[in-house]
Amino acid sequence: MNVSELTAGTGSVTLELEVVSVEEPREINKMGRTLKVANATVKDDSGEITLVLWNKDVGTIKAGDKIKIENGYVSEWQNKPQLTTGKFGKLTVL
């Protein structure tokens, strides 16, 4: 699977990617819980996508890292697809 093939609603995504950039983390309040979130731009040979990092994954990657996403999920925010590990996925720095 390649980044160019990802569309909102795609599940069971396994990809090896390169981290282009990582934004500063921020805190949001969701249903009474405070969560940490940060966006990263990641790419492969076919294109780029936003990777949303939640809680434990925030701060684990930096620009230039090679990572592997296993069992990821593609959602949509402001009409743009974004990749996340979700509840059941895994992010590994290679």
PDB file of N, CA and C in Angstrom:
ATOM      1  N   MET A   1       0.848  -1.190   0.000  1.00  0.00           N
ATOM      2  CA  MET A   1       0.000   0.000   0.000  1.00  0.00           C
ATOM      3  C   MET A   1       0.884   1.242   0.000  1.00  0.00           C
ATOM      4  N   ASN A   2       0.448   2.272  -0.716  1.00  0.00           N
ATOM      5  CA  ASN A   2       1.168   3.543  -0.799  1.00  0.00           C
ATOM      6  C   ASN A   2       0.302   4.684  -0.286  1.00  0.00           C
ATOM      7  N   VAL A   3       0.937   5.807   0.067  1.00  0.00           N
ATOM      8  CA  VAL A   3       0.211   6.990   0.516  1.00  0.00           C
ATOM      9  C   VAL A   3      -0.827   7.414  -0.520  1.00  0.00           C
ATOM     10  N   SER A   4      -0.475   7.354  -1.805  1.00  0.00           N
ATOM     11  CA  SER A   4      -1.394   7.805  -2.855  1.00  0.00           C
ATOM     12  C   SER A   4      -2.682   6.985  -2.917  1.00  0.00           C
ATOM     13  N   GLU A   5      -2.680   5.797  -2.322  1.00  0.00           N
ATOM     14  CA  GLU A   5      -3.861   4.926  -2.330  1.00  0.00           C
ATOM     15  C   GLU A   5      -4.785   5.157  -1.130  1.00  0.00           C
ATOM     16  N   LEU A   6      -4.357   5.970  -0.173  1.00  0.00           N
ATOM     17  CA  LEU A   6      -5.117   6.146   1.061  1.00  0.00           C
ATOM     18  C   LEU A   6      -6.283   7.104   0.865  1.00  0.00           C
ATOM     19  N   THR A   7      -7.460   6.689   1.314  1.00  0.00           N
ATOM     20  CA  THR A   7      -8.645   7.530   1.304  1.00  0.00           C
ATOM     21  C   THR A   7      -9.336   7.395   2.650  1.00  0.00           C
ATOM     22  N   ALA A   8     -10.145   8.382   2.999  1.00  0.00           N
ATOM     23  CA  ALA A   8     -10.866   8.357   4.272  1.00  0.00           C
ATOM     24  C   ALA A   8     -11.654   7.053   4.384  1.00  0.00           C
ATOM     25  N   GLY A   9     -11.547   6.427   5.540  1.00  0.00           N
ATOM     26  CA  GLY A   9     -12.254   5.174   5.777  1.00  0.00           C
ATOM     27  C   GLY A   9     -11.395   3.940   5.572  1.00  0.00           C
ATOM     28  N   THR A  10     -10.192   4.105   5.007  1.00  0.00           N
ATOM     29  CA  THR A  10      -9.294   2.970   4.815  1.00  0.00           C
ATOM     30  C   THR A  10      -8.764   2.513   6.159  1.00  0.00           C
ATOM     31  N   GLY A  11      -8.879   1.230   6.448  1.00  0.00           N
ATOM     32  CA  GLY A  11      -8.373   0.659   7.690  1.00  0.00           C
ATOM     33  C   GLY A  11      -7.308  -0.376   7.410  1.00  0.00           C
ATOM     34  N   SER A  12      -6.765  -0.952   8.459  1.00  0.00           N
ATOM     35  CA  SER A  12      -5.714  -1.975   8.369  1.00  0.00           C
ATOM     36  C   SER A  12      -4.541  -1.508   7.511  1.00  0.00           C
ATOM     37  N   VAL A  13      -4.136  -0.251   7.695  1.00  0.00           N
ATOM     38  CA  VAL A  13      -3.061   0.339   6.898  1.00  0.00           C
ATOM     39  C   VAL A  13      -1.707  -0.021   7.515  1.00  0.00           C
ATOM     40  N   THR A  14      -0.838  -0.604   6.704  1.00  0.00           N
ATOM     41  CA  THR A  14       0.540  -0.857   7.109  1.00  0.00           C
ATOM     42  C   THR A  14       1.450  -0.207   6.071  1.00  0.00           C
ATOM     43  N   LEU A  15       2.295   0.717   6.539  1.00  0.00           N
ATOM     44  CA  LEU A  15       3.163   1.493   5.652  1.00  0.00           C
ATOM     45  C   LEU A  15       4.491   1.788   6.327  1.00  0.00           C
ATOM     46  N   GLU A  16       5.558   1.884   5.518  1.00  0.00           N
ATOM     47  CA  GLU A  16       6.819   2.441   5.988  1.00  0.00           C
ATOM     48  C   GLU A  16       6.933   3.829   5.375  1.00  0.00           C
ATOM     49  N   LEU A  17       7.237   4.815   6.215  1.00  0.00           N
ATOM     50  CA  LEU A  17       7.196   6.213   5.803  1.00  0.00           C
ATOM     51  C   LEU A  17       8.407   6.963   6.321  1.00  0.00           C
ATOM     52  N   GLU A  18       8.656   8.135   5.716  1.00  0.00           N
ATOM     53  CA  GLU A  18       9.680   9.040   6.214  1.00  0.00           C
ATOM     54  C   GLU A  18       8.989  10.261   6.796  1.00  0.00           C
ATOM     55  N   VAL A  19       9.448  10.710   7.969  1.00  0.00           N
ATOM     56  CA  VAL A  19       8.875  11.885   8.620  1.00  0.00           C
ATOM     57  C   VAL A  19       9.489  13.137   7.996  1.00  0.00           C
ATOM     58  N   VAL A  20       8.629  14.001   7.447  1.00  0.00           N
ATOM     59  CA  VAL A  20       9.068  15.257   6.831  1.00  0.00           C
ATOM     60  C   VAL A  20       9.172  16.345   7.896  1.00  0.00           C
ATOM     61  N   SER A  21       8.122  16.479   8.718  1.00  0.00           N
ATOM     62  CA  SER A  21       8.100  17.503   9.762  1.00  0.00           C
ATOM     63  C   SER A  21       7.116  17.096  10.858  1.00  0.00           C
ATOM     64  N   VAL A  22       7.315  17.683  12.042  1.00  0.00           N
ATOM     65  CA  VAL A  22       6.425  17.428  13.179  1.00  0.00           C
ATOM     66  C   VAL A  22       6.072  18.773  13.799  1.00  0.00           C
ATOM     67  N   GLU A  23       4.774  19.027  13.961  1.00  0.00           N
ATOM     68  CA  GLU A  23       4.318  20.275  14.593  1.00  0.00           C
ATOM     69  C   GLU A  23       4.447  20.176  16.111  1.00  0.00           C
ATOM     70  N   GLU A  24       4.397  21.343  16.750  1.00  0.00           N
ATOM     71  CA  GLU A  24       4.414  21.382  18.218  1.00  0.00           C
ATOM     72  C   GLU A  24       3.167  20.699  18.767  1.00  0.00           C
ATOM     73  N   PRO A  25       3.305  19.913  19.830  1.00  0.00           N
ATOM     74  CA  PRO A  25       2.127  19.276  20.419  1.00  0.00           C
ATOM     75  C   PRO A  25       1.196  20.300  21.061  1.00  0.00           C
ATOM     76  N   ARG A  26      -0.069  19.946  21.123  1.00  0.00           N
ATOM     77  CA  ARG A  26      -1.059  20.797  21.789  1.00  0.00           C
ATOM     78  C   ARG A  26      -1.972  19.891  22.607  1.00  0.00           C
ATOM     79  N   GLU A  27      -2.708  20.511  23.516  1.00  0.00           N
ATOM     80  CA  GLU A  27      -3.664  19.752  24.331  1.00  0.00           C
ATOM     81  C   GLU A  27      -5.069  20.119  23.913  1.00  0.00           C
ATOM     82  N   ILE A  28      -5.925  19.118  23.848  1.00  0.00           N
ATOM     83  CA  ILE A  28      -7.331  19.357  23.557  1.00  0.00           C
ATOM     84  C   ILE A  28      -8.163  18.683  24.635  1.00  0.00           C
ATOM     85  N   ASN A  29      -9.373  19.177  24.792  1.00  0.00           N
ATOM     86  CA  ASN A  29     -10.298  18.584  25.747  1.00  0.00           C
ATOM     87  C   ASN A  29     -11.374  17.860  24.954  1.00  0.00           C
ATOM     88  N   LYS A  30     -11.456  16.561  25.116  1.00  0.00           N
ATOM     89  CA  LYS A  30     -12.427  15.761  24.383  1.00  0.00           C
ATOM     90  C   LYS A  30     -13.231  14.946  25.382  1.00  0.00           C
ATOM     91  N   MET A  31     -14.505  15.225  25.429  1.00  0.00           N
ATOM     92  CA  MET A  31     -15.426  14.527  26.334  1.00  0.00           C
ATOM     93  C   MET A  31     -14.903  14.494  27.778  1.00  0.00           C
ATOM     94  N   GLY A  32     -14.402  15.646  28.233  1.00  0.00           N
ATOM     95  CA  GLY A  32     -13.963  15.764  29.619  1.00  0.00           C
ATOM     96  C   GLY A  32     -12.560  15.261  29.887  1.00  0.00           C
ATOM     97  N   ARG A  33     -11.873  14.765  28.873  1.00  0.00           N
ATOM     98  CA  ARG A  33     -10.505  14.278  29.059  1.00  0.00           C
ATOM     99  C   ARG A  33      -9.540  15.205  28.319  1.00  0.00           C
ATOM    100  N   THR A  34      -8.373  15.454  28.914  1.00  0.00           N
ATOM    101  CA  THR A  34      -7.346  16.246  28.267  1.00  0.00           C
ATOM    102  C   THR A  34      -6.429  15.297  27.511  1.00  0.00           C
ATOM    103  N   LEU A  35      -6.288  15.544  26.221  1.00  0.00           N
ATOM    104  CA  LEU A  35      -5.473  14.686  25.364  1.00  0.00           C
ATOM    105  C   LEU A  35      -4.365  15.497  24.708  1.00  0.00           C
ATOM    106  N   LYS A  36      -3.199  14.870  24.506  1.00  0.00           N
ATOM    107  CA  LYS A  36      -2.104  15.490  23.767  1.00  0.00           C
ATOM    108  C   LYS A  36      -2.202  15.048  22.317  1.00  0.00           C
ATOM    109  N   VAL A  37      -2.007  15.994  21.402  1.00  0.00           N
ATOM    110  CA  VAL A  37      -2.071  15.678  19.976  1.00  0.00           C
ATOM    111  C   VAL A  37      -1.036  16.518  19.231  1.00  0.00           C
ATOM    112  N   ALA A  38      -0.457  15.920  18.192  1.00  0.00           N
ATOM    113  CA  ALA A  38       0.481  16.640  17.322  1.00  0.00           C
ATOM    114  C   ALA A  38       0.339  16.075  15.917  1.00  0.00           C
ATOM    115  N   ASN A  39       0.466  16.951  14.933  1.00  0.00           N
ATOM    116  CA  ASN A  39       0.416  16.521  13.539  1.00  0.00           C
ATOM    117  C   ASN A  39       1.832  16.418  12.993  1.00  0.00           C
ATOM    118  N   ALA A  40       2.049  15.405  12.168  1.00  0.00           N
ATOM    119  CA  ALA A  40       3.321  15.247  11.466  1.00  0.00           C
ATOM    120  C   ALA A  40       3.007  15.073   9.986  1.00  0.00           C
ATOM    121  N   THR A  41       3.901  15.521   9.149  1.00  0.00           N
ATOM    122  CA  THR A  41       3.787  15.250   7.725  1.00  0.00           C
ATOM    123  C   THR A  41       4.730  14.096   7.422  1.00  0.00           C
ATOM    124  N   VAL A  42       4.189  13.055   6.790  1.00  0.00           N
ATOM    125  CA  VAL A  42       4.978  11.872   6.449  1.00  0.00           C
ATOM    126  C   VAL A  42       4.832  11.598   4.961  1.00  0.00           C
ATOM    127  N   LYS A  43       5.808  10.873   4.400  1.00  0.00           N
ATOM    128  CA  LYS A  43       5.760  10.640   2.953  1.00  0.00           C
ATOM    129  C   LYS A  43       6.345   9.277   2.597  1.00  0.00           C
ATOM    130  N   ASP A  44       5.973   8.835   1.400  1.00  0.00           N
ATOM    131  CA  ASP A  44       6.653   7.743   0.719  1.00  0.00           C
ATOM    132  C   ASP A  44       6.881   8.206  -0.712  1.00  0.00           C
ATOM    133  N   ASP A  45       7.262   7.306  -1.596  1.00  0.00           N
ATOM    134  CA  ASP A  45       7.560   7.706  -2.977  1.00  0.00           C
ATOM    135  C   ASP A  45       6.334   8.203  -3.737  1.00  0.00           C
ATOM    136  N   SER A  46       5.127   7.895  -3.230  1.00  0.00           N
ATOM    137  CA  SER A  46       3.909   8.244  -3.964  1.00  0.00           C
ATOM    138  C   SER A  46       3.253   9.544  -3.503  1.00  0.00           C
ATOM    139  N   GLY A  47       3.653  10.065  -2.327  1.00  0.00           N
ATOM    140  CA  GLY A  47       3.038  11.294  -1.851  1.00  0.00           C
ATOM    141  C   GLY A  47       3.203  11.524  -0.367  1.00  0.00           C
ATOM    142  N   GLU A  48       2.504  12.544   0.135  1.00  0.00           N
ATOM    143  CA  GLU A  48       2.551  12.931   1.551  1.00  0.00           C
ATOM    144  C   GLU A  48       1.159  12.853   2.160  1.00  0.00           C
ATOM    145  N   ILE A  49       1.126  12.663   3.489  1.00  0.00           N
ATOM    146  CA  ILE A  49      -0.131  12.673   4.229  1.00  0.00           C
ATOM    147  C   ILE A  49       0.161  13.167   5.644  1.00  0.00           C
ATOM    148  N   THR A  50      -0.850  13.722   6.293  1.00  0.00           N
ATOM    149  CA  THR A  50      -0.729  14.118   7.692  1.00  0.00           C
ATOM    150  C   THR A  50      -0.908  12.886   8.567  1.00  0.00           C
ATOM    151  N   LEU A  51       0.019  12.707   9.499  1.00  0.00           N
ATOM    152  CA  LEU A  51      -0.068  11.648  10.507  1.00  0.00           C
ATOM    153  C   LEU A  51      -0.425  12.320  11.817  1.00  0.00           C
ATOM    154  N   VAL A  52      -1.527  11.918  12.421  1.00  0.00           N
ATOM    155  CA  VAL A  52      -1.957  12.489  13.692  1.00  0.00           C
ATOM    156  C   VAL A  52      -1.428  11.605  14.818  1.00  0.00           C
ATOM    157  N   LEU A  53      -0.634  12.223  15.698  1.00  0.00           N
ATOM    158  CA  LEU A  53      -0.047  11.521  16.839  1.00  0.00           C
ATOM    159  C   LEU A  53      -0.861  11.845  18.082  1.00  0.00           C
ATOM    160  N   TRP A  54      -1.252  10.824  18.824  1.00  0.00           N
ATOM    161  CA  TRP A  54      -2.041  11.003  20.034  1.00  0.00           C
ATOM    162  C   TRP A  54      -1.261  10.515  21.243  1.00  0.00           C
ATOM    163  N   ASN A  55      -1.360  11.231  22.346  1.00  0.00           N
ATOM    164  CA  ASN A  55      -0.865  10.869  23.668  1.00  0.00           C
ATOM    165  C   ASN A  55       0.507  10.207  23.664  1.00  0.00           C
ATOM    166  N   LYS A  56       0.561   8.884  23.800  1.00  0.00           N
ATOM    167  CA  LYS A  56       1.841   8.187  23.959  1.00  0.00           C
ATOM    168  C   LYS A  56       2.755   8.317  22.744  1.00  0.00           C
ATOM    169  N   ASP A  57       2.195   8.566  21.558  1.00  0.00           N
ATOM    170  CA  ASP A  57       3.015   8.694  20.354  1.00  0.00           C
ATOM    171  C   ASP A  57       3.589  10.096  20.165  1.00  0.00           C
ATOM    172  N   VAL A  58       3.021  11.093  20.872  1.00  0.00           N
ATOM    173  CA  VAL A  58       3.523  12.479  20.779  1.00  0.00           C
ATOM    174  C   VAL A  58       4.948  12.515  21.334  1.00  0.00           C
ATOM    175  N   GLY A  59       5.856  13.094  20.562  1.00  0.00           N
ATOM    176  CA  GLY A  59       7.241  13.223  21.018  1.00  0.00           C
ATOM    177  C   GLY A  59       8.137  12.043  20.684  1.00  0.00           C
ATOM    178  N   THR A  60       7.612  11.027  20.010  1.00  0.00           N
ATOM    179  CA  THR A  60       8.415   9.836  19.724  1.00  0.00           C
ATOM    180  C   THR A  60       9.116   9.882  18.371  1.00  0.00           C
ATOM    181  N   ILE A  61       8.719  10.826  17.494  1.00  0.00           N
ATOM    182  CA  ILE A  61       9.339  10.902  16.173  1.00  0.00           C
ATOM    183  C   ILE A  61       9.816  12.316  15.886  1.00  0.00           C
ATOM    184  N   LYS A  62      10.773  12.403  14.956  1.00  0.00           N
ATOM    185  CA  LYS A  62      11.284  13.717  14.530  1.00  0.00           C
ATOM    186  C   LYS A  62      11.531  13.675  13.033  1.00  0.00           C
ATOM    187  N   ALA A  63      11.695  14.841  12.424  1.00  0.00           N
ATOM    188  CA  ALA A  63      11.949  14.933  10.991  1.00  0.00           C
ATOM    189  C   ALA A  63      13.160  14.090  10.625  1.00  0.00           C
ATOM    190  N   GLY A  64      13.031  13.337   9.539  1.00  0.00           N
ATOM    191  CA  GLY A  64      14.112  12.477   9.071  1.00  0.00           C
ATOM    192  C   GLY A  64      13.981  11.038   9.511  1.00  0.00           C
ATOM    193  N   ASP A  65      13.170  10.780  10.539  1.00  0.00           N
ATOM    194  CA  ASP A  65      12.978   9.404  11.011  1.00  0.00           C
ATOM    195  C   ASP A  65      12.266   8.558   9.951  1.00  0.00           C
ATOM    196  N   LYS A  66      12.603   7.291   9.928  1.00  0.00           N
ATOM    197  CA  LYS A  66      11.859   6.302   9.140  1.00  0.00           C
ATOM    198  C   LYS A  66      10.964   5.574  10.136  1.00  0.00           C
ATOM    199  N   ILE A  67       9.683   5.474   9.811  1.00  0.00           N
ATOM    200  CA  ILE A  67       8.733   4.853  10.739  1.00  0.00           C
ATOM    201  C   ILE A  67       7.902   3.795  10.021  1.00  0.00           C
ATOM    202  N   LYS A  68       7.299   2.942  10.822  1.00  0.00           N
ATOM    203  CA  LYS A  68       6.361   1.956  10.292  1.00  0.00           C
ATOM    204  C   LYS A  68       5.047   2.113  11.049  1.00  0.00           C
ATOM    205  N   ILE A  69       3.969   2.222  10.296  1.00  0.00           N
ATOM    206  CA  ILE A  69       2.624   2.255  10.863  1.00  0.00           C
ATOM    207  C   ILE A  69       2.005   0.886  10.590  1.00  0.00           C
ATOM    208  N   GLU A  70       1.493   0.252  11.630  1.00  0.00           N
ATOM    209  CA  GLU A  70       0.813  -1.027  11.477  1.00  0.00           C
ATOM    210  C   GLU A  70      -0.625  -0.889  11.966  1.00  0.00           C
ATOM    211  N   ASN A  71      -1.548  -1.401  11.193  1.00  0.00           N
ATOM    212  CA  ASN A  71      -2.971  -1.374  11.530  1.00  0.00           C
ATOM    213  C   ASN A  71      -3.475   0.060  11.728  1.00  0.00           C
ATOM    214  N   GLY A  72      -2.994   0.973  10.884  1.00  0.00           N
ATOM    215  CA  GLY A  72      -3.428   2.364  10.955  1.00  0.00           C
ATOM    216  C   GLY A  72      -4.809   2.545  10.337  1.00  0.00           C
ATOM    217  N   TYR A  73      -5.311   3.779  10.453  1.00  0.00           N
ATOM    218  CA  TYR A  73      -6.645   4.107   9.962  1.00  0.00           C
ATOM    219  C   TYR A  73      -6.610   5.496   9.330  1.00  0.00           C
ATOM    220  N   VAL A  74      -7.316   5.665   8.227  1.00  0.00           N
ATOM    221  CA  VAL A  74      -7.381   6.959   7.567  1.00  0.00           C
ATOM    222  C   VAL A  74      -8.739   7.594   7.843  1.00  0.00           C
ATOM    223  N   SER A  75      -8.707   8.798   8.403  1.00  0.00           N
ATOM    224  CA  SER A  75      -9.930   9.572   8.626  1.00  0.00           C
ATOM    225  C   SER A  75      -9.831  10.826   7.765  1.00  0.00           C
ATOM    226  N   GLU A  76     -10.770  11.734   7.958  1.00  0.00           N
ATOM    227  CA  GLU A  76     -10.761  12.966   7.182  1.00  0.00           C
ATOM    228  C   GLU A  76     -10.986  14.144   8.116  1.00  0.00           C
ATOM    229  N   TRP A  77     -10.220  15.205   7.922  1.00  0.00           N
ATOM    230  CA  TRP A  77     -10.387  16.432   8.696  1.00  0.00           C
ATOM    231  C   TRP A  77     -10.267  17.590   7.728  1.00  0.00           C
ATOM    232  N   GLN A  78     -11.264  18.428   7.693  1.00  0.00           N
ATOM    233  CA  GLN A  78     -11.318  19.597   6.805  1.00  0.00           C
ATOM    234  C   GLN A  78     -11.049  19.187   5.349  1.00  0.00           C
ATOM    235  N   ASN A  79     -11.742  18.135   4.938  1.00  0.00           N
ATOM    236  CA  ASN A  79     -11.680  17.602   3.568  1.00  0.00           C
ATOM    237  C   ASN A  79     -10.315  17.070   3.151  1.00  0.00           C
ATOM    238  N   LYS A  80      -9.460  16.738   4.113  1.00  0.00           N
ATOM    239  CA  LYS A  80      -8.155  16.166   3.799  1.00  0.00           C
ATOM    240  C   LYS A  80      -7.997  14.848   4.557  1.00  0.00           C
ATOM    241  N   PRO A  81      -7.473  13.822   3.884  1.00  0.00           N
ATOM    242  CA  PRO A  81      -7.258  12.553   4.595  1.00  0.00           C
ATOM    243  C   PRO A  81      -6.110  12.693   5.585  1.00  0.00           C
ATOM    244  N   GLN A  82      -6.233  11.992   6.705  1.00  0.00           N
ATOM    245  CA  GLN A  82      -5.137  11.952   7.666  1.00  0.00           C
ATOM    246  C   GLN A  82      -5.042  10.558   8.267  1.00  0.00           C
ATOM    247  N   LEU A  83      -3.823  10.143   8.504  1.00  0.00           N
ATOM    248  CA  LEU A  83      -3.510   8.814   9.001  1.00  0.00           C
ATOM    249  C   LEU A  83      -3.319   8.869  10.501  1.00  0.00           C
ATOM    250  N   THR A  84      -3.796   7.853  11.198  1.00  0.00           N
ATOM    251  CA  THR A  84      -3.583   7.755  12.636  1.00  0.00           C
ATOM    252  C   THR A  84      -3.441   6.276  13.005  1.00  0.00           C
ATOM    253  N   THR A  85      -2.811   6.023  14.151  1.00  0.00           N
ATOM    254  CA  THR A  85      -2.728   4.644  14.620  1.00  0.00           C
ATOM    255  C   THR A  85      -4.029   4.228  15.289  1.00  0.00           C
ATOM    256  N   GLY A  86      -4.833   5.213  15.687  1.00  0.00           N
ATOM    257  CA  GLY A  86      -6.106   4.887  16.322  1.00  0.00           C
ATOM    258  C   GLY A  86      -5.911   4.090  17.593  1.00  0.00           C
ATOM    259  N   LYS A  87      -6.931   3.356  17.950  1.00  0.00           N
ATOM    260  CA  LYS A  87      -6.919   2.601  19.193  1.00  0.00           C
ATOM    261  C   LYS A  87      -6.105   1.313  19.082  1.00  0.00           C
ATOM    262  N   PHE A  88      -6.057   0.733  17.884  1.00  0.00           N
ATOM    263  CA  PHE A  88      -5.479  -0.602  17.731  1.00  0.00           C
ATOM    264  C   PHE A  88      -4.207  -0.654  16.905  1.00  0.00           C
ATOM    265  N   GLY A  89      -3.759   0.504  16.413  1.00  0.00           N
ATOM    266  CA  GLY A  89      -2.576   0.538  15.565  1.00  0.00           C
ATOM    267  C   GLY A  89      -1.287   0.699  16.369  1.00  0.00           C
ATOM    268  N   LYS A  90      -0.181   0.663  15.626  1.00  0.00           N
ATOM    269  CA  LYS A  90       1.129   0.731  16.264  1.00  0.00           C
ATOM    270  C   LYS A  90       2.066   1.570  15.400  1.00  0.00           C
ATOM    271  N   LEU A  91       2.867   2.417  16.061  1.00  0.00           N
ATOM    272  CA  LEU A  91       3.890   3.206  15.397  1.00  0.00           C
ATOM    273  C   LEU A  91       5.243   2.731  15.899  1.00  0.00           C
ATOM    274  N   THR A  92       6.158   2.423  14.971  1.00  0.00           N
ATOM    275  CA  THR A  92       7.501   1.981  15.324  1.00  0.00           C
ATOM    276  C   THR A  92       8.502   2.849  14.576  1.00  0.00           C
ATOM    277  N   VAL A  93       9.528   3.332  15.309  1.00  0.00           N
ATOM    278  CA  VAL A  93      10.625   4.046  14.662  1.00  0.00           C
ATOM    279  C   VAL A  93      11.620   2.988  14.213  1.00  0.00           C
ATOM    280  N   LEU A  94      11.953   3.014  12.920  1.00  0.00           N
ATOM    281  CA  LEU A  94      12.843   1.983  12.345  1.00  0.00           C
ATOM    282  C   LEU A  94      14.307   2.377  12.498  1.00  0.00           C
TER     283      LEU A  94
END
